[in-house]
Every structure is written in C-alpha cells, then in structure tokens.
Amino acid sequence: AYSILSDPEKKQRYDQFGHAGVDPNA
C-alpha cells in the first residue's frame, strides 16, 4: 500500500483507476 501511495504518479493512477491503474497485468 505504501509503495503505491507514496509515489505521486502511482497514487494518481490508483486514485483514478483503482488497483487496475497500478497492476502491470491490467
């Protein structure tokens, strides 16, 4: 959770698309 939310770019993708936004398989 921290590895995503502490990274501004990943956090932005997660806030917009949820888990799919930071899932390399999605």
PDB file of all heavy atoms in Angstrom:
ATOM      1  N   ALA A   1       0.829  -1.205   0.000  1.00  0.00           N
ATOM      2  CA  ALA A   1       0.000   0.000   0.000  1.00  0.00           C
ATOM      3  C   ALA A   1       0.866   1.259   0.000  1.00  0.00           C
ATOM      4  O   ALA A   1       0.628   2.203  -0.751  1.00  0.00           O
ATOM      5  CB  ALA A   1      -0.948  -0.005   1.203  1.00  0.00           C
ATOM      6  N   TYR A   2       1.902   1.238   0.837  1.00  0.00           N
ATOM      7  CA  TYR A   2       2.766   2.417   0.924  1.00  0.00           C
ATOM      8  C   TYR A   2       3.575   2.622  -0.351  1.00  0.00           C
ATOM      9  O   TYR A   2       3.819   3.752  -0.779  1.00  0.00           O
ATOM     10  CB  TYR A   2       3.697   2.300   2.127  1.00  0.00           C
ATOM     11  CG  TYR A   2       4.545   3.538   2.328  1.00  0.00           C
ATOM     12  CD1 TYR A   2       4.004   4.693   2.888  1.00  0.00           C
ATOM     13  CD2 TYR A   2       5.873   3.552   1.947  1.00  0.00           C
ATOM     14  CE1 TYR A   2       4.761   5.829   3.052  1.00  0.00           C
ATOM     15  CE2 TYR A   2       6.647   4.687   2.114  1.00  0.00           C
ATOM     16  CZ  TYR A   2       6.091   5.825   2.677  1.00  0.00           C
ATOM     17  OH  TYR A   2       6.854   6.945   2.828  1.00  0.00           O
ATOM     18  N   SER A   3       3.998   1.527  -0.975  1.00  0.00           N
ATOM     19  CA  SER A   3       4.793   1.647  -2.200  1.00  0.00           C
ATOM     20  C   SER A   3       4.006   2.342  -3.305  1.00  0.00           C
ATOM     21  O   SER A   3       4.590   2.978  -4.185  1.00  0.00           O
ATOM     22  CB  SER A   3       5.243   0.258  -2.674  1.00  0.00           C
ATOM     23  OG  SER A   3       4.160  -0.489  -3.181  1.00  0.00           O
ATOM     24  N   ILE A   4       2.683   2.241  -3.266  1.00  0.00           N
ATOM     25  CA  ILE A   4       1.843   2.910  -4.263  1.00  0.00           C
ATOM     26  C   ILE A   4       1.498   4.327  -3.831  1.00  0.00           C
ATOM     27  O   ILE A   4       1.692   5.290  -4.569  1.00  0.00           O
ATOM     28  CB  ILE A   4       0.546   2.106  -4.510  1.00  0.00           C
ATOM     29  CG1 ILE A   4       0.872   0.700  -5.038  1.00  0.00           C
ATOM     30  CG2 ILE A   4      -0.369   2.853  -5.473  1.00  0.00           C
ATOM     31  CD1 ILE A   4       1.646   0.684  -6.332  1.00  0.00           C
ATOM     32  N   LEU A   5       1.009   4.494  -2.614  1.00  0.00           N
ATOM     33  CA  LEU A   5       0.507   5.794  -2.174  1.00  0.00           C
ATOM     34  C   LEU A   5       1.616   6.802  -1.910  1.00  0.00           C
ATOM     35  O   LEU A   5       1.355   8.014  -1.865  1.00  0.00           O
ATOM     36  CB  LEU A   5      -0.352   5.619  -0.914  1.00  0.00           C
ATOM     37  CG  LEU A   5      -1.599   4.741  -1.072  1.00  0.00           C
ATOM     38  CD1 LEU A   5      -2.392   4.706   0.223  1.00  0.00           C
ATOM     39  CD2 LEU A   5      -2.476   5.239  -2.212  1.00  0.00           C
ATOM     40  N   SER A   6       2.856   6.337  -1.728  1.00  0.00           N
ATOM     41  CA  SER A   6       3.965   7.268  -1.503  1.00  0.00           C
ATOM     42  C   SER A   6       4.571   7.764  -2.804  1.00  0.00           C
ATOM     43  O   SER A   6       5.395   8.677  -2.803  1.00  0.00           O
ATOM     44  CB  SER A   6       5.057   6.598  -0.655  1.00  0.00           C
ATOM     45  OG  SER A   6       5.608   5.478  -1.348  1.00  0.00           O
ATOM     46  N   ASP A   7       4.185   7.164  -3.914  1.00  0.00           N
ATOM     47  CA  ASP A   7       4.688   7.568  -5.220  1.00  0.00           C
ATOM     48  C   ASP A   7       3.612   8.422  -5.900  1.00  0.00           C
ATOM     49  O   ASP A   7       2.525   7.927  -6.193  1.00  0.00           O
ATOM     50  CB  ASP A   7       4.993   6.323  -6.065  1.00  0.00           C
ATOM     51  CG  ASP A   7       5.620   6.669  -7.409  1.00  0.00           C
ATOM     52  OD1 ASP A   7       5.031   7.488  -8.144  1.00  0.00           O
ATOM     53  OD2 ASP A   7       6.677   6.108  -7.724  1.00  0.00           O
ATOM     54  N   PRO A   8       3.875   9.700  -6.153  1.00  0.00           N
ATOM     55  CA  PRO A   8       2.833  10.592  -6.699  1.00  0.00           C
ATOM     56  C   PRO A   8       2.196  10.086  -7.989  1.00  0.00           C
ATOM     57  O   PRO A   8       0.979  10.168  -8.159  1.00  0.00           O
ATOM     58  CB  PRO A   8       3.597  11.909  -6.935  1.00  0.00           C
ATOM     59  CG  PRO A   8       4.722  11.876  -5.961  1.00  0.00           C
ATOM     60  CD  PRO A   8       5.132  10.419  -5.879  1.00  0.00           C
ATOM     61  N   GLU A   9       3.014   9.539  -8.913  1.00  0.00           N
ATOM     62  CA  GLU A   9       2.464   9.070 -10.185  1.00  0.00           C
ATOM     63  C   GLU A   9       1.580   7.846  -9.982  1.00  0.00           C
ATOM     64  O   GLU A   9       0.482   7.750 -10.531  1.00  0.00           O
ATOM     65  CB  GLU A   9       3.592   8.747 -11.165  1.00  0.00           C
ATOM     66  CG  GLU A   9       4.329   9.986 -11.681  1.00  0.00           C
ATOM     67  CD  GLU A   9       5.323   9.646 -12.764  1.00  0.00           C
ATOM     68  OE1 GLU A   9       5.261   8.518 -13.281  1.00  0.00           O
ATOM     69  OE2 GLU A   9       6.165  10.494 -13.086  1.00  0.00           O
ATOM     70  N   LYS A  10       2.076   6.873  -9.177  1.00  0.00           N
ATOM     71  CA  LYS A  10       1.283   5.671  -8.930  1.00  0.00           C
ATOM     72  C   LYS A  10       0.023   6.004  -8.135  1.00  0.00           C
ATOM     73  O   LYS A  10      -1.041   5.436  -8.377  1.00  0.00           O
ATOM     74  CB  LYS A  10       2.128   4.635  -8.189  1.00  0.00           C
ATOM     75  CG  LYS A  10       3.293   4.095  -8.992  1.00  0.00           C
ATOM     76  CD  LYS A  10       4.136   3.153  -8.150  1.00  0.00           C
ATOM     77  CE  LYS A  10       5.380   2.691  -8.915  1.00  0.00           C
ATOM     78  NZ  LYS A  10       6.278   1.885  -8.078  1.00  0.00           N
ATOM     79  N   LYS A  11       0.159   6.925  -7.185  1.00  0.00           N
ATOM     80  CA  LYS A  11      -1.003   7.333  -6.381  1.00  0.00           C
ATOM     81  C   LYS A  11      -2.067   7.962  -7.270  1.00  0.00           C
ATOM     82  O   LYS A  11      -3.263   7.701  -7.107  1.00  0.00           O
ATOM     83  CB  LYS A  11      -0.574   8.320  -5.302  1.00  0.00           C
ATOM     84  CG  LYS A  11      -1.702   8.783  -4.383  1.00  0.00           C
ATOM     85  CD  LYS A  11      -1.141   9.677  -3.281  1.00  0.00           C
ATOM     86  CE  LYS A  11      -2.232  10.142  -2.332  1.00  0.00           C
ATOM     87  NZ  LYS A  11      -3.167  11.090  -2.976  1.00  0.00           N
ATOM     88  N   GLN A  12      -1.638   8.784  -8.224  1.00  0.00           N
ATOM     89  CA  GLN A  12      -2.589   9.414  -9.139  1.00  0.00           C
ATOM     90  C   GLN A  12      -3.324   8.369  -9.970  1.00  0.00           C
ATOM     91  O   GLN A  12      -4.539   8.440 -10.158  1.00  0.00           O
ATOM     92  CB  GLN A  12      -1.865  10.397 -10.048  1.00  0.00           C
ATOM     93  CG  GLN A  12      -2.796  11.133 -11.014  1.00  0.00           C
ATOM     94  CD  GLN A  12      -2.052  12.077 -11.934  1.00  0.00           C
ATOM     95  OE1 GLN A  12      -0.834  12.110 -11.945  1.00  0.00           O
ATOM     96  NE2 GLN A  12      -2.779  12.839 -12.715  1.00  0.00           N
ATOM     97  N   ARG A  13      -2.559   7.362 -10.496  1.00  0.00           N
ATOM     98  CA  ARG A  13      -3.199   6.299 -11.281  1.00  0.00           C
ATOM     99  C   ARG A  13      -4.143   5.477 -10.416  1.00  0.00           C
ATOM    100  O   ARG A  13      -5.224   5.084 -10.851  1.00  0.00           O
ATOM    101  CB  ARG A  13      -2.131   5.393 -11.912  1.00  0.00           C
ATOM    102  CG  ARG A  13      -1.296   6.058 -12.987  1.00  0.00           C
ATOM    103  CD  ARG A  13      -0.747   5.035 -13.970  1.00  0.00           C
ATOM    104  NE  ARG A  13       0.064   4.007 -13.348  1.00  0.00           N
ATOM    105  CZ  ARG A  13       1.390   4.074 -13.237  1.00  0.00           C
ATOM    106  NH1 ARG A  13       2.040   5.128 -13.685  1.00  0.00           N
ATOM    107  NH2 ARG A  13       2.064   3.090 -12.677  1.00  0.00           N
ATOM    108  N   TYR A  14      -3.732   5.220  -9.145  1.00  0.00           N
ATOM    109  CA  TYR A  14      -4.583   4.428  -8.257  1.00  0.00           C
ATOM    110  C   TYR A  14      -5.861   5.187  -7.921  1.00  0.00           C
ATOM    111  O   TYR A  14      -6.954   4.611  -7.915  1.00  0.00           O
ATOM    112  CB  TYR A  14      -3.831   4.085  -6.972  1.00  0.00           C
ATOM    113  CG  TYR A  14      -4.662   3.298  -5.989  1.00  0.00           C
ATOM    114  CD1 TYR A  14      -4.932   1.952  -6.210  1.00  0.00           C
ATOM    115  CD2 TYR A  14      -5.210   3.900  -4.863  1.00  0.00           C
ATOM    116  CE1 TYR A  14      -5.718   1.230  -5.333  1.00  0.00           C
ATOM    117  CE2 TYR A  14      -5.992   3.191  -3.973  1.00  0.00           C
ATOM    118  CZ  TYR A  14      -6.244   1.851  -4.212  1.00  0.00           C
ATOM    119  OH  TYR A  14      -7.030   1.138  -3.352  1.00  0.00           O
ATOM    120  N   ASP A  15      -5.734   6.505  -7.634  1.00  0.00           N
ATOM    121  CA  ASP A  15      -6.913   7.306  -7.306  1.00  0.00           C
ATOM    122  C   ASP A  15      -7.886   7.354  -8.468  1.00  0.00           C
ATOM    123  O   ASP A  15      -9.101   7.409  -8.277  1.00  0.00           O
ATOM    124  CB  ASP A  15      -6.499   8.731  -6.925  1.00  0.00           C
ATOM    125  CG  ASP A  15      -5.826   8.795  -5.564  1.00  0.00           C
ATOM    126  OD1 ASP A  15      -5.937   7.821  -4.801  1.00  0.00           O
ATOM    127  OD2 ASP A  15      -5.176   9.816  -5.267  1.00  0.00           O
ATOM    128  N   GLN A  16      -7.371   7.321  -9.702  1.00  0.00           N
ATOM    129  CA  GLN A  16      -8.230   7.436 -10.881  1.00  0.00           C
ATOM    130  C   GLN A  16      -8.804   6.094 -11.318  1.00  0.00           C
ATOM    131  O   GLN A  16      -9.972   5.990 -11.678  1.00  0.00           O
ATOM    132  CB  GLN A  16      -7.445   8.053 -12.037  1.00  0.00           C
ATOM    133  CG  GLN A  16      -8.304   8.340 -13.268  1.00  0.00           C
ATOM    134  CD  GLN A  16      -7.545   9.077 -14.349  1.00  0.00           C
ATOM    135  OE1 GLN A  16      -6.353   9.342 -14.217  1.00  0.00           O
ATOM    136  NE2 GLN A  16      -8.223   9.417 -15.424  1.00  0.00           N
ATOM    137  N   PHE A  17      -7.962   5.037 -11.289  1.00  0.00           N
ATOM    138  CA  PHE A  17      -8.383   3.759 -11.861  1.00  0.00           C
ATOM    139  C   PHE A  17      -8.465   2.612 -10.855  1.00  0.00           C
ATOM    140  O   PHE A  17      -8.823   1.497 -11.215  1.00  0.00           O
ATOM    141  CB  PHE A  17      -7.419   3.341 -12.982  1.00  0.00           C
ATOM    142  CG  PHE A  17      -7.286   4.362 -14.072  1.00  0.00           C
ATOM    143  CD1 PHE A  17      -6.122   5.076 -14.252  1.00  0.00           C
ATOM    144  CD2 PHE A  17      -8.338   4.628 -14.926  1.00  0.00           C
ATOM    145  CE1 PHE A  17      -5.995   6.024 -15.249  1.00  0.00           C
ATOM    146  CE2 PHE A  17      -8.227   5.571 -15.936  1.00  0.00           C
ATOM    147  CZ  PHE A  17      -7.052   6.272 -16.089  1.00  0.00           C
ATOM    148  N   GLY A  18      -8.113   2.861  -9.581  1.00  0.00           N
ATOM    149  CA  GLY A  18      -8.119   1.782  -8.607  1.00  0.00           C
ATOM    150  C   GLY A  18      -6.935   0.849  -8.805  1.00  0.00           C
ATOM    151  O   GLY A  18      -5.901   1.226  -9.362  1.00  0.00           O
ATOM    152  N   HIS A  19      -7.086  -0.398  -8.363  1.00  0.00           N
ATOM    153  CA  HIS A  19      -5.984  -1.362  -8.451  1.00  0.00           C
ATOM    154  C   HIS A  19      -5.534  -1.604  -9.883  1.00  0.00           C
ATOM    155  O   HIS A  19      -4.363  -1.874 -10.137  1.00  0.00           O
ATOM    156  CB  HIS A  19      -6.398  -2.685  -7.795  1.00  0.00           C
ATOM    157  CG  HIS A  19      -6.475  -2.621  -6.300  1.00  0.00           C
ATOM    158  ND1 HIS A  19      -5.371  -2.442  -5.506  1.00  0.00           N
ATOM    159  CD2 HIS A  19      -7.537  -2.683  -5.458  1.00  0.00           C
ATOM    160  CE1 HIS A  19      -5.749  -2.415  -4.227  1.00  0.00           C
ATOM    161  NE2 HIS A  19      -7.048  -2.549  -4.174  1.00  0.00           N
ATOM    162  N   ALA A  20      -6.472  -1.505 -10.833  1.00  0.00           N
ATOM    163  CA  ALA A  20      -6.103  -1.730 -12.234  1.00  0.00           C
ATOM    164  C   ALA A  20      -5.076  -0.714 -12.717  1.00  0.00           C
ATOM    165  O   ALA A  20      -4.271  -1.000 -13.591  1.00  0.00           O
ATOM    166  CB  ALA A  20      -7.347  -1.667 -13.124  1.00  0.00           C
ATOM    167  N   GLY A  21      -5.089   0.483 -12.125  1.00  0.00           N
ATOM    168  CA  GLY A  21      -4.169   1.519 -12.554  1.00  0.00           C
ATOM    169  C   GLY A  21      -2.723   1.248 -12.216  1.00  0.00           C
ATOM    170  O   GLY A  21      -1.827   1.857 -12.794  1.00  0.00           O
ATOM    171  N   VAL A  22      -2.485   0.347 -11.251  1.00  0.00           N
ATOM    172  CA  VAL A  22      -1.107   0.050 -10.847  1.00  0.00           C
ATOM    173  C   VAL A  22      -0.786  -1.431 -10.992  1.00  0.00           C
ATOM    174  O   VAL A  22       0.217  -1.911 -10.472  1.00  0.00           O
ATOM    175  CB  VAL A  22      -0.864   0.501  -9.388  1.00  0.00           C
ATOM    176  CG1 VAL A  22      -0.884   2.009  -9.282  1.00  0.00           C
ATOM    177  CG2 VAL A  22      -1.898  -0.099  -8.439  1.00  0.00           C
ATOM    178  N   ASP A  23      -1.651  -2.135 -11.706  1.00  0.00           N
ATOM    179  CA  ASP A  23      -1.430  -3.565 -11.936  1.00  0.00           C
ATOM    180  C   ASP A  23      -0.802  -3.758 -13.310  1.00  0.00           C
ATOM    181  O   ASP A  23      -1.422  -3.455 -14.325  1.00  0.00           O
ATOM    182  CB  ASP A  23      -2.764  -4.316 -11.858  1.00  0.00           C
ATOM    183  CG  ASP A  23      -2.610  -5.799 -12.172  1.00  0.00           C
ATOM    184  OD1 ASP A  23      -1.468  -6.297 -12.110  1.00  0.00           O
ATOM    185  OD2 ASP A  23      -3.614  -6.452 -12.483  1.00  0.00           O
ATOM    186  N   PRO A  24       0.436  -4.263 -13.388  1.00  0.00           N
ATOM    187  CA  PRO A  24       1.080  -4.436 -14.696  1.00  0.00           C
ATOM    188  C   PRO A  24       0.347  -5.406 -15.597  1.00  0.00           C
ATOM    189  O   PRO A  24       0.500  -5.368 -16.812  1.00  0.00           O
ATOM    190  CB  PRO A  24       2.479  -4.963 -14.339  1.00  0.00           C
ATOM    191  CG  PRO A  24       2.337  -5.541 -12.969  1.00  0.00           C
ATOM    192  CD  PRO A  24       1.293  -4.718 -12.278  1.00  0.00           C
ATOM    193  N   ASN A  25      -0.484  -6.268 -15.037  1.00  0.00           N
ATOM    194  CA  ASN A  25      -1.232  -7.231 -15.853  1.00  0.00           C
ATOM    195  C   ASN A  25      -2.551  -6.673 -16.344  1.00  0.00           C
ATOM    196  O   ASN A  25      -3.257  -7.321 -17.099  1.00  0.00           O
ATOM    197  CB  ASN A  25      -1.498  -8.514 -15.042  1.00  0.00           C
ATOM    198  CG  ASN A  25      -0.213  -9.207 -14.651  1.00  0.00           C
ATOM    199  OD1 ASN A  25       0.707  -9.314 -15.454  1.00  0.00           O
ATOM    200  ND2 ASN A  25      -0.143  -9.666 -13.403  1.00  0.00           N
ATOM    201  N   ALA A  26      -2.896  -5.462 -15.897  1.00  0.00           N
ATOM    202  CA  ALA A  26      -4.166  -4.875 -16.293  1.00  0.00           C
ATOM    203  C   ALA A  26      -4.003  -3.824 -17.369  1.00  0.00           C
ATOM    204  O   ALA A  26      -4.921  -3.122 -17.704  1.00  0.00           O
ATOM    205  CB  ALA A  26      -4.854  -4.248 -15.077  1.00  0.00           C
TER     206      ALA A  26
END
